[in-house]
N, C-alpha and C. Protein backbone atom coordinates (compact mmCIF):
# COMPACT_ATOMS: atom_id res chain seq x y z
N MET A 1 0.86 -1.20 0.00
CA MET A 1 0.00 0.00 0.00
C MET A 1 0.89 1.24 0.00
N SER A 2 0.73 2.10 -1.02
CA SER A 2 1.54 3.31 -1.09
C SER A 2 0.90 4.43 -0.30
N ARG A 3 1.71 5.34 0.18
CA ARG A 3 1.26 6.49 0.95
C ARG A 3 1.08 7.67 0.00
N LEU A 4 0.00 8.42 0.21
CA LEU A 4 -0.42 9.40 -0.79
C LEU A 4 -0.78 10.72 -0.13
N VAL A 5 -0.39 11.83 -0.78
CA VAL A 5 -0.89 13.16 -0.42
C VAL A 5 -1.72 13.67 -1.59
N ILE A 6 -2.79 14.37 -1.26
CA ILE A 6 -3.71 14.90 -2.26
C ILE A 6 -3.59 16.41 -2.30
N PHE A 7 -3.33 16.95 -3.49
CA PHE A 7 -3.32 18.41 -3.66
C PHE A 7 -4.77 18.86 -3.87
N GLY A 8 -5.22 19.74 -2.97
CA GLY A 8 -6.57 20.28 -3.06
C GLY A 8 -7.25 20.23 -1.71
N ALA A 9 -8.23 21.10 -1.52
CA ALA A 9 -9.01 21.11 -0.27
C ALA A 9 -10.41 21.62 -0.58
N ALA A 10 -11.04 21.01 -1.58
CA ALA A 10 -12.40 21.34 -1.97
C ALA A 10 -13.10 20.03 -2.36
N ASP A 11 -14.23 20.14 -3.04
CA ASP A 11 -15.02 18.95 -3.34
C ASP A 11 -14.23 17.89 -4.09
N SER A 12 -13.44 18.29 -5.09
CA SER A 12 -12.69 17.30 -5.86
C SER A 12 -11.73 16.52 -4.97
N ALA A 13 -11.11 17.20 -4.03
CA ALA A 13 -10.17 16.54 -3.13
C ALA A 13 -10.89 15.61 -2.16
N ARG A 14 -12.05 16.05 -1.67
CA ARG A 14 -12.83 15.21 -0.76
C ARG A 14 -13.30 13.95 -1.47
N LEU A 15 -13.73 14.08 -2.71
CA LEU A 15 -14.15 12.91 -3.48
C LEU A 15 -12.96 11.99 -3.78
N ALA A 16 -11.82 12.59 -4.15
CA ALA A 16 -10.64 11.77 -4.41
C ALA A 16 -10.25 10.98 -3.15
N HIS A 17 -10.33 11.63 -2.00
CA HIS A 17 -10.04 10.94 -0.75
C HIS A 17 -10.96 9.73 -0.58
N PHE A 18 -12.24 9.92 -0.82
CA PHE A 18 -13.19 8.82 -0.68
C PHE A 18 -12.83 7.66 -1.61
N TYR A 19 -12.59 7.97 -2.89
CA TYR A 19 -12.32 6.90 -3.85
C TYR A 19 -11.01 6.18 -3.55
N PHE A 20 -9.95 6.92 -3.28
CA PHE A 20 -8.68 6.27 -2.96
C PHE A 20 -8.78 5.45 -1.67
N ARG A 21 -9.52 5.98 -0.68
CA ARG A 21 -9.62 5.30 0.61
C ARG A 21 -10.42 4.01 0.51
N THR A 22 -11.48 4.02 -0.28
CA THR A 22 -12.40 2.88 -0.30
C THR A 22 -12.17 1.92 -1.44
N ASP A 23 -11.36 2.30 -2.45
CA ASP A 23 -11.29 1.47 -3.66
C ASP A 23 -9.91 1.52 -4.30
N SER A 24 -8.87 1.50 -3.49
CA SER A 24 -7.52 1.49 -4.06
C SER A 24 -6.54 0.95 -3.03
N ALA A 25 -5.32 0.75 -3.48
CA ALA A 25 -4.26 0.29 -2.59
C ALA A 25 -3.45 1.44 -2.01
N HIS A 26 -3.96 2.66 -2.12
CA HIS A 26 -3.26 3.84 -1.61
C HIS A 26 -3.83 4.24 -0.24
N GLN A 27 -2.95 4.69 0.62
CA GLN A 27 -3.36 5.22 1.91
C GLN A 27 -3.13 6.72 1.92
N VAL A 28 -4.22 7.48 1.95
CA VAL A 28 -4.11 8.94 1.94
C VAL A 28 -3.68 9.41 3.32
N GLU A 29 -2.61 10.21 3.35
CA GLU A 29 -2.05 10.65 4.63
C GLU A 29 -2.29 12.13 4.92
N ALA A 30 -2.46 12.95 3.86
CA ALA A 30 -2.57 14.40 4.08
C ALA A 30 -3.08 15.07 2.81
N PHE A 31 -3.52 16.31 2.98
CA PHE A 31 -3.87 17.19 1.87
C PHE A 31 -2.87 18.33 1.82
N VAL A 32 -2.76 18.93 0.64
CA VAL A 32 -1.82 20.04 0.48
C VAL A 32 -2.44 21.10 -0.43
N VAL A 33 -2.21 22.36 -0.11
CA VAL A 33 -2.63 23.48 -0.94
C VAL A 33 -1.53 24.54 -0.89
N ASP A 34 -1.60 25.49 -1.82
CA ASP A 34 -0.69 26.62 -1.73
C ASP A 34 -0.95 27.37 -0.42
N ALA A 35 0.11 27.92 0.16
CA ALA A 35 0.01 28.55 1.48
C ALA A 35 -1.07 29.63 1.51
N ALA A 36 -1.25 30.35 0.41
CA ALA A 36 -2.24 31.44 0.38
C ALA A 36 -3.67 30.93 0.53
N TYR A 37 -3.89 29.64 0.26
CA TYR A 37 -5.24 29.07 0.33
C TYR A 37 -5.42 28.16 1.53
N LYS A 38 -4.45 28.11 2.41
CA LYS A 38 -4.54 27.25 3.59
C LYS A 38 -5.32 27.99 4.68
N THR A 39 -6.51 27.49 4.99
CA THR A 39 -7.39 28.17 5.94
C THR A 39 -7.49 27.44 7.28
N GLY A 40 -6.77 26.34 7.41
CA GLY A 40 -6.78 25.60 8.67
C GLY A 40 -5.67 24.57 8.66
N ASP A 41 -5.68 23.71 9.67
CA ASP A 41 -4.64 22.70 9.79
C ASP A 41 -5.10 21.31 9.38
N THR A 42 -6.41 21.14 9.12
CA THR A 42 -6.93 19.85 8.70
C THR A 42 -7.96 20.03 7.59
N PHE A 43 -8.16 18.96 6.84
CA PHE A 43 -9.23 18.91 5.85
C PHE A 43 -9.71 17.46 5.76
N ASP A 44 -10.99 17.27 5.83
CA ASP A 44 -11.61 15.95 5.72
C ASP A 44 -10.95 14.95 6.67
N GLY A 45 -10.61 15.44 7.86
CA GLY A 45 -10.09 14.58 8.91
C GLY A 45 -8.61 14.26 8.85
N LEU A 46 -7.88 14.90 7.92
CA LEU A 46 -6.45 14.64 7.78
C LEU A 46 -5.67 15.96 7.83
N PRO A 47 -4.35 15.90 8.09
CA PRO A 47 -3.56 17.13 8.10
C PRO A 47 -3.62 17.87 6.77
N LEU A 48 -3.63 19.20 6.85
CA LEU A 48 -3.58 20.06 5.68
C LEU A 48 -2.26 20.82 5.71
N CYS A 49 -1.46 20.62 4.67
CA CYS A 49 -0.10 21.14 4.62
C CYS A 49 0.02 22.20 3.53
N ALA A 50 0.84 23.22 3.77
CA ALA A 50 1.16 24.19 2.72
C ALA A 50 2.12 23.55 1.73
N PHE A 51 1.91 23.84 0.44
CA PHE A 51 2.76 23.26 -0.60
C PHE A 51 4.23 23.60 -0.35
N GLU A 52 4.47 24.78 0.16
CA GLU A 52 5.83 25.22 0.42
C GLU A 52 6.53 24.36 1.47
N GLU A 53 5.77 23.62 2.27
CA GLU A 53 6.34 22.75 3.31
C GLU A 53 6.23 21.27 2.95
N LEU A 54 5.68 20.98 1.80
CA LEU A 54 5.32 19.60 1.47
C LEU A 54 6.53 18.66 1.47
N ALA A 55 7.59 19.04 0.77
CA ALA A 55 8.74 18.14 0.64
C ALA A 55 9.39 17.82 1.98
N ALA A 56 9.36 18.79 2.89
CA ALA A 56 9.96 18.55 4.20
C ALA A 56 9.11 17.62 5.06
N ARG A 57 7.79 17.78 4.97
CA ARG A 57 6.91 16.98 5.82
C ARG A 57 6.54 15.63 5.21
N TYR A 58 6.39 15.61 3.89
CA TYR A 58 5.99 14.40 3.18
C TYR A 58 6.90 14.23 1.95
N PRO A 59 8.12 13.77 2.14
CA PRO A 59 9.10 13.76 1.06
C PRO A 59 8.71 12.83 -0.10
N PRO A 60 9.08 13.22 -1.33
CA PRO A 60 8.71 12.42 -2.50
C PRO A 60 9.35 11.04 -2.51
N SER A 61 10.37 10.82 -1.72
CA SER A 61 10.96 9.49 -1.62
C SER A 61 10.05 8.52 -0.87
N GLU A 62 9.08 9.06 -0.11
CA GLU A 62 8.21 8.22 0.72
C GLU A 62 6.74 8.33 0.34
N PHE A 63 6.37 9.36 -0.40
CA PHE A 63 4.96 9.61 -0.70
C PHE A 63 4.74 9.84 -2.19
N ASP A 64 3.62 9.33 -2.69
CA ASP A 64 3.12 9.71 -4.01
C ASP A 64 2.15 10.87 -3.84
N ALA A 65 1.73 11.45 -4.95
CA ALA A 65 0.80 12.58 -4.90
C ALA A 65 -0.32 12.39 -5.91
N PHE A 66 -1.42 13.06 -5.66
CA PHE A 66 -2.52 13.12 -6.61
C PHE A 66 -3.07 14.54 -6.60
N VAL A 67 -3.22 15.13 -7.78
CA VAL A 67 -3.73 16.49 -7.90
C VAL A 67 -5.23 16.43 -8.16
N ALA A 68 -6.01 16.80 -7.14
CA ALA A 68 -7.47 16.74 -7.21
C ALA A 68 -8.03 18.15 -7.40
N VAL A 69 -7.92 18.62 -8.61
CA VAL A 69 -8.39 19.96 -8.98
C VAL A 69 -9.30 19.80 -10.19
N GLY A 70 -10.33 20.62 -10.28
CA GLY A 70 -11.32 20.49 -11.35
C GLY A 70 -10.86 21.05 -12.67
N TYR A 71 -11.79 21.63 -13.41
CA TYR A 71 -11.54 22.05 -14.80
C TYR A 71 -11.44 23.57 -14.94
N ALA A 72 -11.18 24.29 -13.84
CA ALA A 72 -11.12 25.75 -13.90
C ALA A 72 -10.15 26.23 -14.96
N ARG A 73 -10.56 27.30 -15.65
CA ARG A 73 -9.75 27.91 -16.70
C ARG A 73 -9.32 26.87 -17.74
N MET A 74 -10.29 26.08 -18.17
CA MET A 74 -10.06 25.06 -19.20
C MET A 74 -8.90 24.14 -18.81
N ASN A 75 -8.95 23.67 -17.57
CA ASN A 75 -7.99 22.68 -17.06
C ASN A 75 -6.59 23.24 -16.80
N ARG A 76 -6.39 24.54 -16.99
CA ARG A 76 -5.05 25.09 -16.84
C ARG A 76 -4.60 25.11 -15.38
N VAL A 77 -5.54 25.30 -14.46
CA VAL A 77 -5.16 25.31 -13.04
C VAL A 77 -4.69 23.92 -12.63
N ARG A 78 -5.46 22.88 -13.01
CA ARG A 78 -5.04 21.53 -12.66
C ARG A 78 -3.71 21.18 -13.32
N ARG A 79 -3.52 21.60 -14.57
CA ARG A 79 -2.27 21.32 -15.26
C ARG A 79 -1.09 21.98 -14.53
N ALA A 80 -1.25 23.23 -14.11
CA ALA A 80 -0.17 23.95 -13.44
C ALA A 80 0.22 23.26 -12.13
N LYS A 81 -0.78 22.81 -11.36
CA LYS A 81 -0.49 22.14 -10.09
C LYS A 81 0.14 20.77 -10.34
N TYR A 82 -0.34 20.07 -11.35
CA TYR A 82 0.25 18.78 -11.72
C TYR A 82 1.72 18.96 -12.09
N GLU A 83 2.02 19.97 -12.89
CA GLU A 83 3.41 20.20 -13.29
C GLU A 83 4.28 20.62 -12.10
N ALA A 84 3.71 21.38 -11.17
CA ALA A 84 4.46 21.79 -9.98
C ALA A 84 4.77 20.58 -9.09
N ILE A 85 3.80 19.70 -8.93
CA ILE A 85 4.00 18.49 -8.12
C ILE A 85 5.07 17.60 -8.76
N LYS A 86 5.00 17.45 -10.08
CA LYS A 86 5.99 16.63 -10.77
C LYS A 86 7.39 17.25 -10.64
N ALA A 87 7.46 18.57 -10.79
CA ALA A 87 8.75 19.25 -10.68
C ALA A 87 9.35 19.11 -9.29
N ALA A 88 8.49 18.93 -8.29
CA ALA A 88 8.97 18.75 -6.92
C ALA A 88 9.44 17.32 -6.67
N GLY A 89 9.34 16.46 -7.67
CA GLY A 89 9.88 15.12 -7.56
C GLY A 89 8.89 14.02 -7.20
N TYR A 90 7.59 14.34 -7.19
CA TYR A 90 6.59 13.35 -6.80
C TYR A 90 6.14 12.51 -8.00
N ARG A 91 5.87 11.25 -7.72
CA ARG A 91 5.20 10.39 -8.69
C ARG A 91 3.71 10.56 -8.49
N CYS A 92 2.97 10.85 -9.57
CA CYS A 92 1.53 11.05 -9.45
C CYS A 92 0.79 9.73 -9.63
N ALA A 93 -0.02 9.40 -8.65
CA ALA A 93 -0.83 8.19 -8.70
C ALA A 93 -2.04 8.42 -9.60
N SER A 94 -2.61 7.33 -10.09
CA SER A 94 -3.86 7.37 -10.83
C SER A 94 -4.90 6.53 -10.11
N TYR A 95 -6.16 6.87 -10.32
CA TYR A 95 -7.27 6.08 -9.78
C TYR A 95 -8.15 5.62 -10.93
N VAL A 96 -8.37 4.31 -11.01
CA VAL A 96 -9.33 3.72 -11.95
C VAL A 96 -10.30 2.90 -11.13
N SER A 97 -11.56 3.26 -11.15
CA SER A 97 -12.57 2.59 -10.34
C SER A 97 -12.63 1.09 -10.66
N SER A 98 -12.83 0.30 -9.63
CA SER A 98 -13.05 -1.13 -9.84
C SER A 98 -14.38 -1.38 -10.54
N ARG A 99 -15.23 -0.37 -10.62
CA ARG A 99 -16.52 -0.48 -11.29
C ARG A 99 -16.47 0.12 -12.70
N CYS A 100 -15.28 0.42 -13.16
CA CYS A 100 -15.06 0.86 -14.55
C CYS A 100 -14.76 -0.37 -15.40
N THR A 101 -15.30 -0.39 -16.62
CA THR A 101 -14.98 -1.46 -17.57
C THR A 101 -13.85 -0.95 -18.44
N TYR A 102 -12.63 -1.33 -18.07
CA TYR A 102 -11.43 -0.82 -18.75
C TYR A 102 -10.84 -1.97 -19.56
N LEU A 103 -11.10 -1.96 -20.88
CA LEU A 103 -10.71 -3.06 -21.76
C LEU A 103 -9.45 -2.79 -22.56
N SER A 104 -8.98 -1.56 -22.59
CA SER A 104 -7.73 -1.27 -23.29
C SER A 104 -6.57 -1.91 -22.54
N THR A 105 -5.62 -2.42 -23.28
CA THR A 105 -4.43 -2.99 -22.65
C THR A 105 -3.39 -1.92 -22.34
N THR A 106 -3.65 -0.69 -22.76
CA THR A 106 -2.76 0.43 -22.45
C THR A 106 -3.28 1.15 -21.21
N PRO A 107 -2.55 1.14 -20.10
CA PRO A 107 -3.05 1.82 -18.90
C PRO A 107 -3.08 3.33 -19.10
N PRO A 108 -3.89 4.03 -18.33
CA PRO A 108 -3.92 5.49 -18.44
C PRO A 108 -2.61 6.09 -17.94
N GLY A 109 -2.37 7.35 -18.30
CA GLY A 109 -1.20 8.06 -17.80
C GLY A 109 -1.33 8.36 -16.32
N ASP A 110 -0.38 9.12 -15.80
CA ASP A 110 -0.43 9.41 -14.36
C ASP A 110 -1.42 10.53 -14.06
N ASN A 111 -1.80 10.59 -12.81
CA ASN A 111 -2.80 11.54 -12.31
C ASN A 111 -4.14 11.43 -13.04
N ALA A 112 -4.47 10.22 -13.51
CA ALA A 112 -5.78 9.97 -14.10
C ALA A 112 -6.79 9.74 -12.98
N PHE A 113 -8.04 10.14 -13.24
CA PHE A 113 -9.14 9.97 -12.28
C PHE A 113 -10.32 9.45 -13.07
N ILE A 114 -10.51 8.12 -13.04
CA ILE A 114 -11.50 7.45 -13.89
C ILE A 114 -12.51 6.78 -12.98
N LEU A 115 -13.71 7.32 -12.96
CA LEU A 115 -14.71 6.92 -11.97
C LEU A 115 -15.59 5.78 -12.47
N GLU A 116 -16.58 5.43 -11.66
CA GLU A 116 -17.41 4.27 -11.90
C GLU A 116 -18.24 4.39 -13.19
N ASP A 117 -18.55 3.24 -13.77
CA ASP A 117 -19.45 3.11 -14.92
C ASP A 117 -18.90 3.69 -16.22
N ASN A 118 -17.62 3.99 -16.27
CA ASN A 118 -17.00 4.31 -17.55
C ASN A 118 -16.75 3.01 -18.32
N THR A 119 -16.94 3.06 -19.63
CA THR A 119 -16.55 1.97 -20.51
C THR A 119 -15.43 2.47 -21.41
N VAL A 120 -14.26 1.88 -21.24
CA VAL A 120 -13.09 2.23 -22.04
C VAL A 120 -12.80 1.02 -22.93
N GLN A 121 -13.06 1.16 -24.21
CA GLN A 121 -12.97 0.02 -25.12
C GLN A 121 -11.52 -0.30 -25.50
N PRO A 122 -11.32 -1.43 -26.18
CA PRO A 122 -9.97 -1.82 -26.59
C PRO A 122 -9.29 -0.76 -27.45
N PHE A 123 -7.97 -0.70 -27.32
CA PHE A 123 -7.09 0.13 -28.14
C PHE A 123 -7.25 1.63 -27.88
N VAL A 124 -7.81 1.96 -26.73
CA VAL A 124 -7.92 3.36 -26.31
C VAL A 124 -6.62 3.77 -25.61
N THR A 125 -6.22 5.03 -25.82
CA THR A 125 -5.08 5.62 -25.12
C THR A 125 -5.54 6.84 -24.35
N ILE A 126 -5.24 6.86 -23.06
CA ILE A 126 -5.61 7.97 -22.18
C ILE A 126 -4.33 8.58 -21.62
N GLY A 127 -4.16 9.88 -21.79
CA GLY A 127 -2.93 10.57 -21.41
C GLY A 127 -2.84 10.88 -19.93
N ASN A 128 -1.93 11.79 -19.61
CA ASN A 128 -1.69 12.20 -18.23
C ASN A 128 -2.70 13.25 -17.77
N ASN A 129 -3.05 13.19 -16.47
CA ASN A 129 -3.84 14.24 -15.84
C ASN A 129 -5.22 14.37 -16.49
N VAL A 130 -5.82 13.23 -16.80
CA VAL A 130 -7.14 13.18 -17.45
C VAL A 130 -8.18 12.75 -16.43
N THR A 131 -9.32 13.43 -16.43
CA THR A 131 -10.46 13.05 -15.59
C THR A 131 -11.59 12.52 -16.46
N LEU A 132 -12.07 11.33 -16.14
CA LEU A 132 -13.31 10.80 -16.72
C LEU A 132 -14.29 10.63 -15.57
N TRP A 133 -15.24 11.56 -15.48
CA TRP A 133 -16.23 11.45 -14.42
C TRP A 133 -17.10 10.23 -14.68
N SER A 134 -18.20 10.06 -14.03
CA SER A 134 -18.95 8.80 -14.08
C SER A 134 -19.71 8.62 -15.39
N GLY A 135 -19.72 7.37 -15.88
CA GLY A 135 -20.69 6.96 -16.88
C GLY A 135 -20.42 7.32 -18.32
N ASN A 136 -19.16 7.42 -18.74
CA ASN A 136 -18.84 7.76 -20.13
C ASN A 136 -18.54 6.52 -20.97
N HIS A 137 -18.62 6.70 -22.29
CA HIS A 137 -18.23 5.66 -23.24
C HIS A 137 -17.07 6.21 -24.08
N ILE A 138 -15.93 5.54 -24.01
CA ILE A 138 -14.77 5.92 -24.81
C ILE A 138 -14.54 4.82 -25.84
N GLY A 139 -14.84 5.12 -27.10
CA GLY A 139 -14.86 4.12 -28.15
C GLY A 139 -13.48 3.63 -28.56
N HIS A 140 -13.45 2.48 -29.16
CA HIS A 140 -12.22 1.81 -29.54
C HIS A 140 -11.33 2.69 -30.41
N ASP A 141 -10.03 2.53 -30.23
CA ASP A 141 -9.01 3.22 -31.03
C ASP A 141 -9.01 4.73 -30.85
N SER A 142 -9.65 5.22 -29.80
CA SER A 142 -9.66 6.66 -29.55
C SER A 142 -8.51 7.05 -28.63
N THR A 143 -8.15 8.33 -28.68
CA THR A 143 -7.08 8.87 -27.84
C THR A 143 -7.59 10.10 -27.10
N ILE A 144 -7.42 10.10 -25.80
CA ILE A 144 -7.71 11.27 -24.97
C ILE A 144 -6.37 11.84 -24.55
N GLU A 145 -6.02 13.00 -25.06
CA GLU A 145 -4.71 13.58 -24.77
C GLU A 145 -4.67 14.16 -23.35
N ASP A 146 -3.49 14.64 -22.96
CA ASP A 146 -3.25 15.10 -21.59
C ASP A 146 -4.19 16.23 -21.16
N HIS A 147 -4.47 16.27 -19.87
CA HIS A 147 -5.12 17.40 -19.18
C HIS A 147 -6.58 17.61 -19.61
N CYS A 148 -7.25 16.59 -20.13
CA CYS A 148 -8.66 16.72 -20.51
C CYS A 148 -9.57 16.44 -19.32
N PHE A 149 -10.79 16.98 -19.39
CA PHE A 149 -11.82 16.70 -18.39
C PHE A 149 -13.08 16.30 -19.14
N ILE A 150 -13.52 15.06 -18.94
CA ILE A 150 -14.74 14.55 -19.56
C ILE A 150 -15.74 14.33 -18.44
N THR A 151 -16.88 14.98 -18.51
CA THR A 151 -17.81 15.04 -17.38
C THR A 151 -18.57 13.73 -17.20
N SER A 152 -19.83 13.63 -17.56
CA SER A 152 -20.59 12.39 -17.39
C SER A 152 -21.49 12.13 -18.59
N HIS A 153 -21.67 10.84 -18.89
CA HIS A 153 -22.57 10.39 -19.96
C HIS A 153 -22.19 10.99 -21.31
N VAL A 154 -20.90 11.10 -21.52
CA VAL A 154 -20.35 11.55 -22.80
C VAL A 154 -20.08 10.31 -23.66
N VAL A 155 -20.43 10.40 -24.95
CA VAL A 155 -20.12 9.33 -25.89
C VAL A 155 -19.02 9.80 -26.82
N VAL A 156 -17.86 9.16 -26.72
CA VAL A 156 -16.76 9.37 -27.65
C VAL A 156 -16.71 8.14 -28.54
N SER A 157 -17.05 8.30 -29.81
CA SER A 157 -17.11 7.16 -30.71
C SER A 157 -15.70 6.70 -31.09
N GLY A 158 -15.61 5.68 -31.92
CA GLY A 158 -14.33 5.10 -32.25
C GLY A 158 -13.45 6.00 -33.10
N HIS A 159 -12.14 5.82 -32.96
CA HIS A 159 -11.14 6.53 -33.77
C HIS A 159 -11.23 8.05 -33.63
N VAL A 160 -11.55 8.52 -32.43
CA VAL A 160 -11.62 9.95 -32.14
C VAL A 160 -10.35 10.34 -31.39
N ARG A 161 -9.82 11.52 -31.69
CA ARG A 161 -8.72 12.10 -30.91
C ARG A 161 -9.23 13.36 -30.24
N VAL A 162 -9.13 13.39 -28.90
CA VAL A 162 -9.55 14.56 -28.12
C VAL A 162 -8.28 15.30 -27.71
N GLY A 163 -8.12 16.52 -28.21
CA GLY A 163 -6.90 17.29 -28.01
C GLY A 163 -6.68 17.70 -26.57
N ALA A 164 -5.44 17.95 -26.24
CA ALA A 164 -5.03 18.26 -24.87
C ALA A 164 -5.81 19.45 -24.31
N GLY A 165 -6.18 19.35 -23.04
CA GLY A 165 -6.83 20.45 -22.34
C GLY A 165 -8.28 20.67 -22.68
N SER A 166 -8.91 19.73 -23.38
CA SER A 166 -10.31 19.91 -23.78
C SER A 166 -11.26 19.59 -22.64
N PHE A 167 -12.48 20.14 -22.75
CA PHE A 167 -13.55 19.91 -21.79
C PHE A 167 -14.78 19.44 -22.55
N LEU A 168 -15.32 18.28 -22.14
CA LEU A 168 -16.52 17.74 -22.77
C LEU A 168 -17.64 17.71 -21.74
N GLY A 169 -18.71 18.47 -21.99
CA GLY A 169 -19.80 18.61 -21.04
C GLY A 169 -20.73 17.41 -21.02
N VAL A 170 -21.62 17.39 -20.03
CA VAL A 170 -22.53 16.27 -19.81
C VAL A 170 -23.38 16.00 -21.05
N ASN A 171 -23.46 14.72 -21.41
CA ASN A 171 -24.29 14.23 -22.52
C ASN A 171 -23.80 14.69 -23.89
N ALA A 172 -22.56 15.12 -24.00
CA ALA A 172 -22.01 15.43 -25.32
C ALA A 172 -21.81 14.13 -26.10
N THR A 173 -21.93 14.22 -27.42
CA THR A 173 -21.73 13.06 -28.29
C THR A 173 -20.77 13.43 -29.41
N LEU A 174 -19.74 12.63 -29.60
CA LEU A 174 -18.75 12.85 -30.65
C LEU A 174 -18.84 11.71 -31.64
N ARG A 175 -19.06 12.02 -32.92
CA ARG A 175 -19.13 10.97 -33.93
C ARG A 175 -17.74 10.37 -34.14
N ASN A 176 -17.70 9.28 -34.87
CA ASN A 176 -16.45 8.56 -35.05
C ASN A 176 -15.49 9.29 -36.00
N ALA A 177 -14.22 8.99 -35.81
CA ALA A 177 -13.16 9.39 -36.74
C ALA A 177 -13.05 10.90 -36.93
N ILE A 178 -13.18 11.66 -35.84
CA ILE A 178 -12.96 13.10 -35.90
C ILE A 178 -11.88 13.47 -34.89
N THR A 179 -11.39 14.70 -35.00
CA THR A 179 -10.39 15.22 -34.08
C THR A 179 -10.94 16.45 -33.36
N ILE A 180 -10.86 16.43 -32.07
CA ILE A 180 -11.25 17.57 -31.24
C ILE A 180 -9.98 18.38 -30.98
N GLY A 181 -9.94 19.60 -31.47
CA GLY A 181 -8.74 20.41 -31.35
C GLY A 181 -8.37 20.69 -29.90
N PRO A 182 -7.11 20.99 -29.63
CA PRO A 182 -6.68 21.27 -28.26
C PRO A 182 -7.51 22.39 -27.62
N GLU A 183 -7.83 22.20 -26.35
CA GLU A 183 -8.55 23.19 -25.54
C GLU A 183 -9.91 23.54 -26.14
N THR A 184 -10.56 22.56 -26.74
CA THR A 184 -11.93 22.74 -27.21
C THR A 184 -12.89 22.64 -26.03
N LEU A 185 -13.89 23.51 -26.00
CA LEU A 185 -14.96 23.44 -25.01
C LEU A 185 -16.23 22.95 -25.71
N VAL A 186 -16.66 21.76 -25.35
CA VAL A 186 -17.90 21.20 -25.89
C VAL A 186 -18.94 21.25 -24.78
N ALA A 187 -19.95 22.09 -24.94
CA ALA A 187 -20.96 22.27 -23.90
C ALA A 187 -21.86 21.05 -23.79
N GLY A 188 -22.50 20.91 -22.64
CA GLY A 188 -23.38 19.78 -22.40
C GLY A 188 -24.46 19.65 -23.46
N GLY A 189 -24.72 18.42 -23.89
CA GLY A 189 -25.76 18.14 -24.87
C GLY A 189 -25.37 18.37 -26.31
N SER A 190 -24.15 18.77 -26.57
CA SER A 190 -23.71 19.03 -27.95
C SER A 190 -23.50 17.72 -28.70
N VAL A 191 -23.79 17.76 -30.00
CA VAL A 191 -23.51 16.64 -30.90
C VAL A 191 -22.48 17.15 -31.90
N ILE A 192 -21.27 16.59 -31.85
CA ILE A 192 -20.17 17.05 -32.69
C ILE A 192 -19.99 16.07 -33.83
N MET A 193 -20.22 16.52 -35.04
CA MET A 193 -20.19 15.66 -36.22
C MET A 193 -18.95 15.87 -37.08
N LYS A 194 -18.20 16.94 -36.82
CA LYS A 194 -17.00 17.23 -37.60
C LYS A 194 -15.87 17.60 -36.65
N SER A 195 -14.65 17.54 -37.14
CA SER A 195 -13.51 17.94 -36.33
C SER A 195 -13.64 19.40 -35.90
N THR A 196 -13.09 19.73 -34.75
CA THR A 196 -13.21 21.08 -34.22
C THR A 196 -11.88 21.82 -34.34
N VAL A 197 -11.94 23.12 -34.19
CA VAL A 197 -10.73 23.94 -34.22
C VAL A 197 -10.20 24.11 -32.81
N ALA A 198 -8.91 24.35 -32.68
CA ALA A 198 -8.31 24.57 -31.37
C ALA A 198 -8.98 25.75 -30.66
N LYS A 199 -9.28 25.56 -29.39
CA LYS A 199 -9.90 26.56 -28.52
C LYS A 199 -11.29 26.97 -28.98
N GLY A 200 -11.93 26.14 -29.83
CA GLY A 200 -13.30 26.42 -30.23
C GLY A 200 -14.27 26.15 -29.10
N VAL A 201 -15.42 26.84 -29.16
CA VAL A 201 -16.50 26.65 -28.19
C VAL A 201 -17.73 26.20 -28.96
N TYR A 202 -18.29 25.06 -28.57
CA TYR A 202 -19.41 24.45 -29.28
C TYR A 202 -20.54 24.20 -28.30
N TYR A 203 -21.75 24.67 -28.66
CA TYR A 203 -22.88 24.52 -27.76
C TYR A 203 -24.14 24.21 -28.55
N PRO A 204 -25.10 23.51 -27.95
CA PRO A 204 -26.32 23.13 -28.66
C PRO A 204 -27.42 24.17 -28.50
N GLU A 205 -28.49 23.99 -29.27
CA GLU A 205 -29.71 24.77 -29.02
C GLU A 205 -30.28 24.36 -27.66
N ARG A 206 -30.73 25.33 -26.90
CA ARG A 206 -31.28 25.04 -25.59
C ARG A 206 -32.79 24.83 -25.66
N ALA A 207 -33.33 24.12 -24.68
CA ALA A 207 -34.76 23.90 -24.60
C ALA A 207 -35.50 25.23 -24.45
N ARG A 208 -36.64 25.34 -25.13
CA ARG A 208 -37.46 26.55 -25.06
C ARG A 208 -38.78 26.24 -24.38
N ARG A 209 -39.32 27.19 -23.64
CA ARG A 209 -40.61 27.02 -22.98
C ARG A 209 -41.73 27.32 -23.96
N LEU A 210 -42.65 26.37 -24.09
CA LEU A 210 -43.81 26.58 -24.94
C LEU A 210 -44.81 27.51 -24.24
N PRO A 211 -45.59 28.25 -25.01
CA PRO A 211 -46.59 29.15 -24.40
C PRO A 211 -47.85 28.39 -23.98
N LYS A 212 -47.68 27.24 -23.34
CA LYS A 212 -48.77 26.45 -22.82
C LYS A 212 -48.36 25.92 -21.45
N SER A 213 -49.34 25.57 -20.63
CA SER A 213 -49.02 24.90 -19.38
C SER A 213 -49.11 23.40 -19.60
N SER A 214 -48.52 22.64 -18.67
CA SER A 214 -48.45 21.19 -18.85
C SER A 214 -49.84 20.53 -18.88
N ASP A 215 -50.84 21.11 -18.23
CA ASP A 215 -52.15 20.48 -18.26
C ASP A 215 -52.90 20.76 -19.56
N GLU A 216 -52.30 21.54 -20.46
CA GLU A 216 -52.88 21.74 -21.78
C GLU A 216 -52.30 20.78 -22.82
N ILE A 217 -51.37 19.96 -22.41
CA ILE A 217 -50.72 19.02 -23.33
C ILE A 217 -51.35 17.66 -23.16
N ASP A 218 -51.76 17.05 -24.28
CA ASP A 218 -52.37 15.72 -24.25
C ASP A 218 -51.27 14.68 -24.48
N LEU A 219 -50.84 14.04 -23.39
CA LEU A 219 -49.79 13.03 -23.50
C LEU A 219 -50.38 11.67 -23.84
């Protein structure tokens, strides 16, 4: 069982603690944040350490790390903290839920966070610092590049490449054999039928309210 520190002190970190504690061979020992964001000495029942003191208190020779940060600023915040942790000499652990169907023979990169009910088909490649929230389908021969965040119930069809730093919103659907440009934002419910441009923003038509009440509709 490896010893682990988690970077973060918000919902993502609390959830990462739960998953690592209940469904992995890692023992979480502490949380860490930048000193400017340290508001106490504990978080979720464990010590909370300033990043500036991390190496002295939890040296990389004895501890692995996991960066539990969300998708703020198109994943750039999580990427910056991941790179800082790596530069400090830490090996970043990954979490793959035991309730995930992971059929690719290629393991994900480091600092991956792959939750329950994901289906990862054969010949898929998942890069470093990638989050797959619950319930996604990643089709065969697809590649998810580094620093992406895929929310929930997203369908990535076969032979798709998702560029680094991209964000795919809930219920997005990507057709087969297309490329999602780096740092693409695909809003929830979007259906992407063609390759996207780098840093493009794609969103669907939203539901509109009819000028009737529900009791006027004959179901």
